[in-house]
Structure formats: C-alpha cells, structure tokens
Amino acid sequence: MASRSIRPEPVEGCLAATGASTSSARTERKNTLRFAGYAAIFNRIDKGGDIIRPGAFGGLVEGKSLPLLWQHDPMQRIGQVDYVREDRRGLRVIGSLSTLTRAGRDAAVGLASGAMKGLSFGYRVNRSSGQKPRQLLDLEVAEVSLVTFPMQQLARVHRVEGQADLS
C-alpha cells in the first residue's frame, strides 16, 4: 500500500485573524507564542493501535476553547487552544502558549527552536468499532497537549508565530 504525504492547509490567515489590539493584549502577546497544527490525523494507525475516522470530532462545540497542557499533565496548563475544528485531514488547532510559567517557557523554547513539534489530545471514546486496529468513530475532546512523542506521528505543529519573553 502506497503512503502519501499529508500537507497541512494554510494557517497564516487564521493566526492573524485571532489577534487582539488593546494595550493589555500587547503586554499579554509579549508572553505568548501562537501556533497552528494538527492534534490528530485521520485514517492513520497510531502507536496505540487506534485509527481516527473522519467525523469523529463532529460533536465539537463551535467556539469552544480547550486547555493546552504540557505533556498531558493537568497540573501544567501552558495556554489555550483558541480554534479547534475537524477538517478533511484531521483535528486542526490554533493555540496560544503562555510563557508565564516554567513549563510554558520550556515549551516555548522547544517550539521556537523546532525541537518540540508533537501534538496530542486527551479524549473520551463515545463510539468505536473493532480491535487492533480499533476504529475511533465519535470522540469527546478534553484537552490538547504539546508533547515530545505524539501517539500519531503526523500530529504536529506546522507554524509558530511571535516572540515570547523567555526571561
């Protein structure tokens, strides 16, 4: 079976469109990096033996913001996911990473250098079928995480914008 490359859709417009313009927002932006990527890719088996099928994220609430965690640790919230949508490739996300915490600064250094690009998400399975591989058909997303080793190899950050204060 031939493997084909999955190229992300353009994200430039989405990153620019969600910026704020007040003076407090400018101060906040100093401590924030914005990123875009995919937290899940459809029709690819992950390291856990699961395949996420198109439509699995159909229950996402329009305009819902999700927490952004460091390595799935609920005690290390490093920002928020401002945009989360299912598209033809998978679960597309745009998030803001805050450098006001140590974990946030560590994540920002990894993102800015290109050393850290993995994305993942925490979820509950509402509907699935089969085993090895299990087909994930309906998922409830609880959080998105920046991770060193994503379960789905193609779940990655594709674009980073901004210069966060890392001091």
N, C-alpha and C. Protein backbone atom coordinates (compact mmCIF):
# COMPACT_ATOMS: atom_id res chain seq x y z
N MET A 1 0.84 -1.17 0.00
CA MET A 1 0.00 0.00 0.00
C MET A 1 0.88 1.24 0.00
N ALA A 2 0.64 2.15 -0.89
CA ALA A 2 1.45 3.36 -1.02
C ALA A 2 1.10 4.35 0.08
N SER A 3 2.11 5.00 0.59
CA SER A 3 1.92 6.03 1.60
C SER A 3 1.97 7.39 0.91
N ARG A 4 1.10 8.29 1.31
CA ARG A 4 1.15 9.62 0.72
C ARG A 4 1.37 10.65 1.81
N SER A 5 2.01 11.69 1.44
CA SER A 5 2.31 12.77 2.37
C SER A 5 1.07 13.61 2.63
N ILE A 6 0.90 14.02 3.86
CA ILE A 6 -0.20 14.91 4.21
C ILE A 6 0.38 16.28 4.48
N ARG A 7 0.00 17.24 3.67
CA ARG A 7 0.46 18.61 3.84
C ARG A 7 -0.63 19.40 4.54
N PRO A 8 -0.23 20.21 5.52
CA PRO A 8 -1.24 20.99 6.24
C PRO A 8 -1.85 22.06 5.35
N GLU A 9 -3.09 22.40 5.67
CA GLU A 9 -3.73 23.52 4.98
C GLU A 9 -3.10 24.82 5.47
N PRO A 10 -3.17 25.89 4.67
CA PRO A 10 -2.59 27.17 5.10
C PRO A 10 -3.22 27.64 6.41
N VAL A 11 -2.38 28.16 7.29
CA VAL A 11 -2.88 28.65 8.57
C VAL A 11 -2.58 30.12 8.79
N GLU A 12 -1.89 30.75 7.86
CA GLU A 12 -1.47 32.12 8.05
C GLU A 12 -2.64 33.05 8.38
N GLY A 13 -3.71 32.97 7.62
CA GLY A 13 -4.86 33.84 7.83
C GLY A 13 -5.51 33.63 9.18
N CYS A 14 -5.60 32.39 9.63
CA CYS A 14 -6.24 32.10 10.91
C CYS A 14 -5.44 32.65 12.07
N LEU A 15 -4.12 32.55 12.01
CA LEU A 15 -3.31 33.09 13.10
C LEU A 15 -3.46 34.59 13.19
N ALA A 16 -3.44 35.27 12.07
CA ALA A 16 -3.55 36.73 12.06
C ALA A 16 -4.94 37.18 12.47
N ALA A 17 -5.95 36.45 12.10
CA ALA A 17 -7.32 36.87 12.34
C ALA A 17 -7.73 36.82 13.80
N THR A 18 -7.00 36.09 14.64
CA THR A 18 -7.41 35.95 16.03
C THR A 18 -6.62 36.85 16.97
N GLY A 19 -5.80 37.76 16.45
CA GLY A 19 -5.00 38.65 17.29
C GLY A 19 -5.84 39.75 17.92
N ALA A 20 -5.44 40.23 19.10
CA ALA A 20 -6.14 41.31 19.79
C ALA A 20 -5.37 42.61 19.58
N SER A 21 -5.99 43.75 19.92
CA SER A 21 -5.34 45.02 19.64
C SER A 21 -5.30 45.98 20.82
N THR A 22 -5.71 45.59 22.00
CA THR A 22 -5.67 46.51 23.14
C THR A 22 -4.27 46.53 23.74
N SER A 23 -3.98 47.53 24.59
CA SER A 23 -2.64 47.60 25.19
C SER A 23 -2.40 46.43 26.12
N SER A 24 -3.42 45.98 26.87
CA SER A 24 -3.23 44.81 27.73
C SER A 24 -2.98 43.57 26.88
N ALA A 25 -3.60 43.52 25.72
CA ALA A 25 -3.35 42.39 24.82
C ALA A 25 -1.92 42.43 24.29
N ARG A 26 -1.39 43.63 24.04
CA ARG A 26 0.01 43.74 23.58
C ARG A 26 0.95 43.22 24.65
N THR A 27 0.70 43.54 25.92
CA THR A 27 1.52 43.04 27.02
C THR A 27 1.41 41.52 27.10
N GLU A 28 0.19 41.02 26.97
CA GLU A 28 -0.03 39.57 27.02
C GLU A 28 0.67 38.87 25.86
N ARG A 29 0.61 39.49 24.66
CA ARG A 29 1.25 38.90 23.49
C ARG A 29 2.75 38.76 23.68
N LYS A 30 3.36 39.65 24.47
CA LYS A 30 4.79 39.58 24.74
C LYS A 30 5.12 38.24 25.40
N ASN A 31 4.22 37.69 26.13
CA ASN A 31 4.42 36.44 26.85
C ASN A 31 3.68 35.27 26.19
N THR A 32 3.39 35.40 24.89
CA THR A 32 2.60 34.38 24.21
C THR A 32 3.19 34.04 22.84
N LEU A 33 3.25 32.76 22.55
CA LEU A 33 3.56 32.28 21.21
C LEU A 33 2.27 31.69 20.65
N ARG A 34 2.02 31.92 19.38
CA ARG A 34 0.86 31.33 18.72
C ARG A 34 1.35 30.22 17.81
N PHE A 35 0.57 29.17 17.69
CA PHE A 35 0.96 28.05 16.83
C PHE A 35 -0.27 27.47 16.16
N ALA A 36 -0.03 26.75 15.09
CA ALA A 36 -1.10 26.04 14.38
C ALA A 36 -0.57 24.67 13.97
N GLY A 37 -1.47 23.71 13.94
CA GLY A 37 -1.08 22.37 13.52
C GLY A 37 -2.25 21.41 13.61
N TYR A 38 -1.93 20.14 13.63
CA TYR A 38 -2.94 19.08 13.73
C TYR A 38 -2.67 18.23 14.96
N ALA A 39 -3.69 18.10 15.83
CA ALA A 39 -3.59 17.25 17.01
C ALA A 39 -3.94 15.81 16.68
N ALA A 40 -4.56 15.58 15.52
CA ALA A 40 -4.91 14.22 15.07
C ALA A 40 -4.99 14.22 13.56
N ILE A 41 -4.64 13.10 12.96
CA ILE A 41 -4.72 12.90 11.52
C ILE A 41 -5.62 11.69 11.27
N PHE A 42 -6.53 11.83 10.33
CA PHE A 42 -7.46 10.75 10.03
C PHE A 42 -6.80 9.59 9.27
N ASN A 43 -7.38 8.41 9.48
CA ASN A 43 -7.10 7.21 8.69
C ASN A 43 -5.65 6.74 8.76
N ARG A 44 -4.97 7.03 9.85
CA ARG A 44 -3.61 6.58 10.09
C ARG A 44 -3.57 5.87 11.43
N ILE A 45 -2.95 4.72 11.48
CA ILE A 45 -2.87 3.99 12.74
C ILE A 45 -1.86 4.68 13.65
N ASP A 46 -2.20 4.79 14.94
CA ASP A 46 -1.28 5.41 15.89
C ASP A 46 -0.53 4.33 16.67
N LYS A 47 0.35 4.75 17.55
CA LYS A 47 1.19 3.81 18.32
C LYS A 47 0.37 2.94 19.26
N GLY A 48 -0.84 3.34 19.57
CA GLY A 48 -1.71 2.56 20.45
C GLY A 48 -2.62 1.60 19.71
N GLY A 49 -2.54 1.58 18.38
CA GLY A 49 -3.36 0.67 17.58
C GLY A 49 -4.74 1.22 17.26
N ASP A 50 -4.91 2.53 17.32
CA ASP A 50 -6.19 3.16 17.01
C ASP A 50 -6.10 3.92 15.69
N ILE A 51 -7.24 4.00 15.00
CA ILE A 51 -7.37 4.81 13.80
C ILE A 51 -8.55 5.74 14.00
N ILE A 52 -8.32 7.03 13.87
CA ILE A 52 -9.40 8.02 14.00
C ILE A 52 -10.02 8.20 12.62
N ARG A 53 -11.33 8.07 12.56
CA ARG A 53 -12.04 8.19 11.30
C ARG A 53 -12.67 9.58 11.14
N PRO A 54 -12.79 10.05 9.90
CA PRO A 54 -13.47 11.33 9.67
C PRO A 54 -14.86 11.33 10.31
N GLY A 55 -15.22 12.45 10.90
CA GLY A 55 -16.50 12.57 11.59
C GLY A 55 -16.38 12.33 13.09
N ALA A 56 -15.24 11.82 13.55
CA ALA A 56 -15.07 11.50 14.97
C ALA A 56 -15.16 12.73 15.86
N PHE A 57 -14.87 13.89 15.32
CA PHE A 57 -14.90 15.13 16.10
C PHE A 57 -16.13 15.98 15.79
N GLY A 58 -17.13 15.38 15.21
CA GLY A 58 -18.34 16.10 14.82
C GLY A 58 -19.08 16.75 15.97
N GLY A 59 -18.85 16.31 17.19
CA GLY A 59 -19.54 16.86 18.35
C GLY A 59 -18.86 18.07 18.97
N LEU A 60 -17.78 18.56 18.36
CA LEU A 60 -17.11 19.75 18.91
C LEU A 60 -18.04 20.95 18.87
N VAL A 61 -18.10 21.66 19.96
CA VAL A 61 -18.96 22.84 20.06
C VAL A 61 -18.28 24.03 19.39
N GLU A 62 -18.98 24.72 18.52
CA GLU A 62 -18.47 25.90 17.82
C GLU A 62 -17.99 26.93 18.83
N GLY A 63 -16.76 27.41 18.67
CA GLY A 63 -16.23 28.45 19.53
C GLY A 63 -15.69 27.96 20.86
N LYS A 64 -15.67 26.65 21.09
CA LYS A 64 -15.18 26.12 22.36
C LYS A 64 -13.66 26.28 22.45
N SER A 65 -13.19 26.75 23.59
CA SER A 65 -11.76 26.86 23.86
C SER A 65 -11.37 25.65 24.71
N LEU A 66 -10.21 25.09 24.43
CA LEU A 66 -9.72 23.93 25.18
C LEU A 66 -8.43 24.29 25.90
N PRO A 67 -8.14 23.65 27.03
CA PRO A 67 -6.86 23.89 27.68
C PRO A 67 -5.72 23.30 26.87
N LEU A 68 -4.59 23.99 26.89
CA LEU A 68 -3.36 23.49 26.29
C LEU A 68 -2.47 23.05 27.43
N LEU A 69 -2.11 21.77 27.44
CA LEU A 69 -1.30 21.20 28.52
C LEU A 69 0.09 20.84 28.02
N TRP A 70 1.02 20.72 28.94
CA TRP A 70 2.38 20.28 28.67
C TRP A 70 2.43 18.79 28.97
N GLN A 71 2.64 17.98 27.94
CA GLN A 71 2.80 16.53 28.06
C GLN A 71 1.59 15.86 28.74
N HIS A 72 0.40 16.35 28.53
CA HIS A 72 -0.86 15.83 29.09
C HIS A 72 -0.96 15.96 30.61
N ASP A 73 -0.13 16.77 31.22
CA ASP A 73 -0.16 16.94 32.68
C ASP A 73 -1.18 18.02 33.05
N PRO A 74 -2.29 17.64 33.72
CA PRO A 74 -3.32 18.63 34.06
C PRO A 74 -2.83 19.70 35.04
N MET A 75 -1.72 19.47 35.69
CA MET A 75 -1.15 20.46 36.61
C MET A 75 -0.23 21.45 35.89
N GLN A 76 -0.04 21.24 34.58
CA GLN A 76 0.84 22.13 33.82
C GLN A 76 0.11 22.66 32.59
N ARG A 77 -0.83 23.55 32.87
CA ARG A 77 -1.53 24.23 31.77
C ARG A 77 -0.62 25.33 31.24
N ILE A 78 -0.34 25.29 29.94
CA ILE A 78 0.62 26.22 29.35
C ILE A 78 -0.04 27.19 28.37
N GLY A 79 -1.34 27.14 28.27
CA GLY A 79 -2.03 28.05 27.37
C GLY A 79 -3.41 27.55 27.05
N GLN A 80 -3.89 27.94 25.87
CA GLN A 80 -5.21 27.50 25.46
C GLN A 80 -5.26 27.29 23.96
N VAL A 81 -6.19 26.46 23.55
CA VAL A 81 -6.45 26.24 22.13
C VAL A 81 -7.64 27.12 21.79
N ASP A 82 -7.40 28.09 20.92
CA ASP A 82 -8.41 29.09 20.57
C ASP A 82 -9.30 28.63 19.43
N TYR A 83 -8.79 27.75 18.60
CA TYR A 83 -9.52 27.28 17.42
C TYR A 83 -9.30 25.78 17.31
N VAL A 84 -10.38 25.03 17.25
CA VAL A 84 -10.29 23.57 17.09
C VAL A 84 -11.42 23.14 16.17
N ARG A 85 -11.07 22.52 15.06
CA ARG A 85 -12.07 22.10 14.07
C ARG A 85 -11.62 20.82 13.40
N GLU A 86 -12.57 20.03 13.03
CA GLU A 86 -12.30 18.88 12.18
C GLU A 86 -12.31 19.38 10.74
N ASP A 87 -11.29 19.02 9.98
CA ASP A 87 -11.29 19.32 8.55
C ASP A 87 -11.01 18.01 7.81
N ARG A 88 -10.70 18.07 6.55
CA ARG A 88 -10.55 16.83 5.78
C ARG A 88 -9.33 16.00 6.18
N ARG A 89 -8.35 16.61 6.86
CA ARG A 89 -7.14 15.89 7.27
C ARG A 89 -7.20 15.36 8.70
N GLY A 90 -7.89 16.09 9.57
CA GLY A 90 -7.91 15.68 10.97
C GLY A 90 -8.41 16.78 11.87
N LEU A 91 -7.84 16.84 13.07
CA LEU A 91 -8.23 17.83 14.07
C LEU A 91 -7.24 18.99 14.01
N ARG A 92 -7.67 20.07 13.40
CA ARG A 92 -6.83 21.26 13.21
C ARG A 92 -6.98 22.17 14.42
N VAL A 93 -5.85 22.65 14.93
CA VAL A 93 -5.86 23.50 16.12
C VAL A 93 -5.00 24.74 15.91
N ILE A 94 -5.40 25.82 16.56
CA ILE A 94 -4.59 27.03 16.68
C ILE A 94 -4.62 27.39 18.15
N GLY A 95 -3.44 27.56 18.71
CA GLY A 95 -3.37 27.82 20.14
C GLY A 95 -2.43 28.93 20.52
N SER A 96 -2.52 29.32 21.78
CA SER A 96 -1.67 30.34 22.37
C SER A 96 -0.92 29.70 23.53
N LEU A 97 0.39 29.82 23.49
CA LEU A 97 1.25 29.26 24.52
C LEU A 97 1.77 30.39 25.39
N SER A 98 1.48 30.36 26.67
CA SER A 98 1.92 31.39 27.59
C SER A 98 3.28 31.04 28.19
N THR A 99 4.16 32.03 28.32
CA THR A 99 5.47 31.80 28.92
C THR A 99 5.53 32.30 30.36
N LEU A 100 4.38 32.49 30.98
CA LEU A 100 4.35 32.98 32.36
C LEU A 100 4.67 31.89 33.38
N THR A 101 4.70 30.63 32.95
CA THR A 101 5.06 29.52 33.84
C THR A 101 6.34 28.87 33.33
N ARG A 102 7.01 28.13 34.19
CA ARG A 102 8.24 27.44 33.76
C ARG A 102 7.94 26.44 32.65
N ALA A 103 6.87 25.67 32.79
CA ALA A 103 6.51 24.70 31.75
C ALA A 103 6.22 25.41 30.43
N GLY A 104 5.57 26.55 30.49
CA GLY A 104 5.30 27.33 29.29
C GLY A 104 6.57 27.82 28.63
N ARG A 105 7.52 28.27 29.45
CA ARG A 105 8.80 28.72 28.89
C ARG A 105 9.55 27.55 28.26
N ASP A 106 9.56 26.38 28.92
CA ASP A 106 10.21 25.19 28.36
C ASP A 106 9.57 24.81 27.02
N ALA A 107 8.26 24.84 26.98
CA ALA A 107 7.55 24.51 25.74
C ALA A 107 7.85 25.53 24.65
N ALA A 108 7.91 26.82 25.01
CA ALA A 108 8.19 27.87 24.04
C ALA A 108 9.60 27.72 23.45
N VAL A 109 10.56 27.38 24.29
CA VAL A 109 11.92 27.16 23.80
C VAL A 109 11.93 26.01 22.79
N GLY A 110 11.23 24.93 23.12
CA GLY A 110 11.15 23.79 22.21
C GLY A 110 10.47 24.13 20.90
N LEU A 111 9.37 24.88 20.98
CA LEU A 111 8.66 25.28 19.77
C LEU A 111 9.50 26.24 18.91
N ALA A 112 10.06 27.24 19.55
CA ALA A 112 10.83 28.25 18.82
C ALA A 112 12.05 27.65 18.13
N SER A 113 12.66 26.65 18.75
CA SER A 113 13.86 26.03 18.17
C SER A 113 13.52 24.93 17.17
N GLY A 114 12.27 24.50 17.15
CA GLY A 114 11.87 23.41 16.27
C GLY A 114 12.10 22.04 16.88
N ALA A 115 12.62 21.98 18.10
CA ALA A 115 12.90 20.70 18.75
C ALA A 115 11.63 20.03 19.27
N MET A 116 10.59 20.80 19.53
CA MET A 116 9.33 20.27 20.07
C MET A 116 8.22 20.62 19.11
N LYS A 117 7.65 19.60 18.45
CA LYS A 117 6.58 19.86 17.48
C LYS A 117 5.40 18.92 17.63
N GLY A 118 5.47 17.98 18.55
CA GLY A 118 4.40 16.99 18.68
C GLY A 118 3.15 17.55 19.32
N LEU A 119 2.00 17.15 18.79
CA LEU A 119 0.71 17.49 19.37
C LEU A 119 -0.05 16.20 19.67
N SER A 120 -0.89 16.27 20.66
CA SER A 120 -1.73 15.14 21.05
C SER A 120 -2.99 15.71 21.69
N PHE A 121 -3.92 14.84 22.03
CA PHE A 121 -5.14 15.32 22.68
C PHE A 121 -5.66 14.26 23.63
N GLY A 122 -6.30 14.72 24.70
CA GLY A 122 -6.96 13.84 25.64
C GLY A 122 -8.42 13.74 25.26
N TYR A 123 -8.99 12.53 25.38
CA TYR A 123 -10.35 12.33 24.89
C TYR A 123 -11.06 11.19 25.61
N ARG A 124 -12.37 11.16 25.42
CA ARG A 124 -13.22 10.04 25.85
C ARG A 124 -13.80 9.44 24.57
N VAL A 125 -13.85 8.12 24.54
CA VAL A 125 -14.42 7.44 23.37
C VAL A 125 -15.92 7.28 23.60
N ASN A 126 -16.70 7.86 22.71
CA ASN A 126 -18.16 7.69 22.76
C ASN A 126 -18.61 6.52 21.88
N ARG A 127 -17.86 6.29 20.78
CA ARG A 127 -18.22 5.18 19.89
C ARG A 127 -16.98 4.72 19.14
N SER A 128 -16.81 3.39 19.09
CA SER A 128 -15.69 2.80 18.36
C SER A 128 -16.14 1.45 17.81
N SER A 129 -15.30 0.85 16.97
CA SER A 129 -15.58 -0.49 16.47
C SER A 129 -14.26 -1.22 16.24
N GLY A 130 -14.33 -2.52 16.33
CA GLY A 130 -13.17 -3.35 16.04
C GLY A 130 -12.09 -3.31 17.11
N GLN A 131 -11.07 -4.12 16.85
CA GLN A 131 -9.90 -4.18 17.71
C GLN A 131 -8.68 -4.42 16.84
N LYS A 132 -7.60 -3.81 17.21
CA LYS A 132 -6.30 -3.99 16.55
C LYS A 132 -6.38 -4.01 15.04
N PRO A 133 -6.69 -2.95 14.38
CA PRO A 133 -6.84 -1.61 14.95
C PRO A 133 -8.29 -1.32 15.35
N ARG A 134 -8.41 -0.51 16.37
CA ARG A 134 -9.71 -0.02 16.80
C ARG A 134 -10.03 1.22 15.99
N GLN A 135 -11.25 1.31 15.50
CA GLN A 135 -11.72 2.46 14.72
C GLN A 135 -12.42 3.42 15.68
N LEU A 136 -11.87 4.62 15.84
CA LEU A 136 -12.48 5.63 16.71
C LEU A 136 -13.43 6.46 15.87
N LEU A 137 -14.73 6.38 16.22
CA LEU A 137 -15.79 6.97 15.40
C LEU A 137 -16.43 8.22 15.99
N ASP A 138 -16.40 8.35 17.32
CA ASP A 138 -17.01 9.50 17.99
C ASP A 138 -16.21 9.77 19.26
N LEU A 139 -15.55 10.93 19.31
CA LEU A 139 -14.68 11.27 20.43
C LEU A 139 -15.10 12.59 21.06
N GLU A 140 -14.93 12.67 22.36
CA GLU A 140 -15.13 13.92 23.11
C GLU A 140 -13.76 14.42 23.53
N VAL A 141 -13.34 15.54 23.00
CA VAL A 141 -12.01 16.10 23.27
C VAL A 141 -12.03 16.89 24.57
N ALA A 142 -11.07 16.59 25.47
CA ALA A 142 -10.98 17.28 26.75
C ALA A 142 -9.86 18.31 26.79
N GLU A 143 -8.76 18.04 26.08
CA GLU A 143 -7.60 18.92 26.09
C GLU A 143 -6.71 18.62 24.91
N VAL A 144 -5.82 19.56 24.62
CA VAL A 144 -4.78 19.37 23.61
C VAL A 144 -3.46 19.58 24.33
N SER A 145 -2.44 18.79 23.97
CA SER A 145 -1.14 18.89 24.62
C SER A 145 -0.02 19.03 23.61
N LEU A 146 0.97 19.80 24.01
CA LEU A 146 2.23 19.83 23.30
C LEU A 146 3.06 18.70 23.91
N VAL A 147 3.55 17.78 23.08
CA VAL A 147 4.22 16.58 23.59
C VAL A 147 5.52 16.30 22.83
N THR A 148 6.39 15.58 23.50
CA THR A 148 7.64 15.16 22.88
C THR A 148 7.40 14.03 21.89
N PHE A 149 6.59 13.05 22.28
CA PHE A 149 6.34 11.87 21.46
C PHE A 149 4.84 11.68 21.24
N PRO A 150 4.30 12.20 20.14
CA PRO A 150 2.86 12.04 19.89
C PRO A 150 2.52 10.60 19.53
N MET A 151 1.32 10.17 19.91
CA MET A 151 0.85 8.82 19.55
C MET A 151 0.70 8.69 18.04
N GLN A 152 0.28 9.75 17.39
CA GLN A 152 0.12 9.77 15.94
C GLN A 152 1.31 10.57 15.38
N GLN A 153 2.18 9.91 14.66
CA GLN A 153 3.43 10.54 14.21
C GLN A 153 3.23 11.82 13.40
N LEU A 154 2.13 11.95 12.70
CA LEU A 154 1.90 13.12 11.86
C LEU A 154 1.19 14.26 12.60
N ALA A 155 0.86 14.07 13.87
CA ALA A 155 0.21 15.11 14.67
C ALA A 155 1.29 16.09 15.11
N ARG A 156 1.35 17.23 14.44
CA ARG A 156 2.46 18.16 14.60
C ARG A 156 2.04 19.62 14.53
N VAL A 157 2.88 20.46 15.12
CA VAL A 157 2.80 21.91 14.93
C VAL A 157 3.40 22.20 13.57
N HIS A 158 2.71 23.00 12.76
CA HIS A 158 3.19 23.34 11.43
C HIS A 158 3.65 24.79 11.31
N ARG A 159 3.20 25.63 12.23
CA ARG A 159 3.57 27.04 12.14
C ARG A 159 3.60 27.64 13.55
N VAL A 160 4.60 28.48 13.80
CA VAL A 160 4.74 29.19 15.07
C VAL A 160 4.94 30.66 14.73
N GLU A 161 4.24 31.53 15.47
CA GLU A 161 4.38 32.97 15.29
C GLU A 161 4.59 33.65 16.63
N GLY A 162 5.35 34.73 16.60
CA GLY A 162 5.54 35.54 17.79
C GLY A 162 6.90 35.27 18.42
N GLN A 163 7.28 36.20 19.28
CA GLN A 163 8.50 36.06 20.05
C GLN A 163 8.13 36.28 21.49
N ALA A 164 8.15 35.21 22.26
CA ALA A 164 7.78 35.30 23.66
C ALA A 164 8.98 35.71 24.49
N ASP A 165 8.71 36.42 25.57
CA ASP A 165 9.73 36.80 26.53
C ASP A 165 10.08 35.57 27.35
N LEU A 166 11.29 35.05 27.20
CA LEU A 166 11.69 33.81 27.87
C LEU A 166 12.58 34.07 29.08
N SER A 167 12.64 35.31 29.53
CA SER A 167 13.50 35.62 30.69
C SER A 167 12.83 35.28 32.00
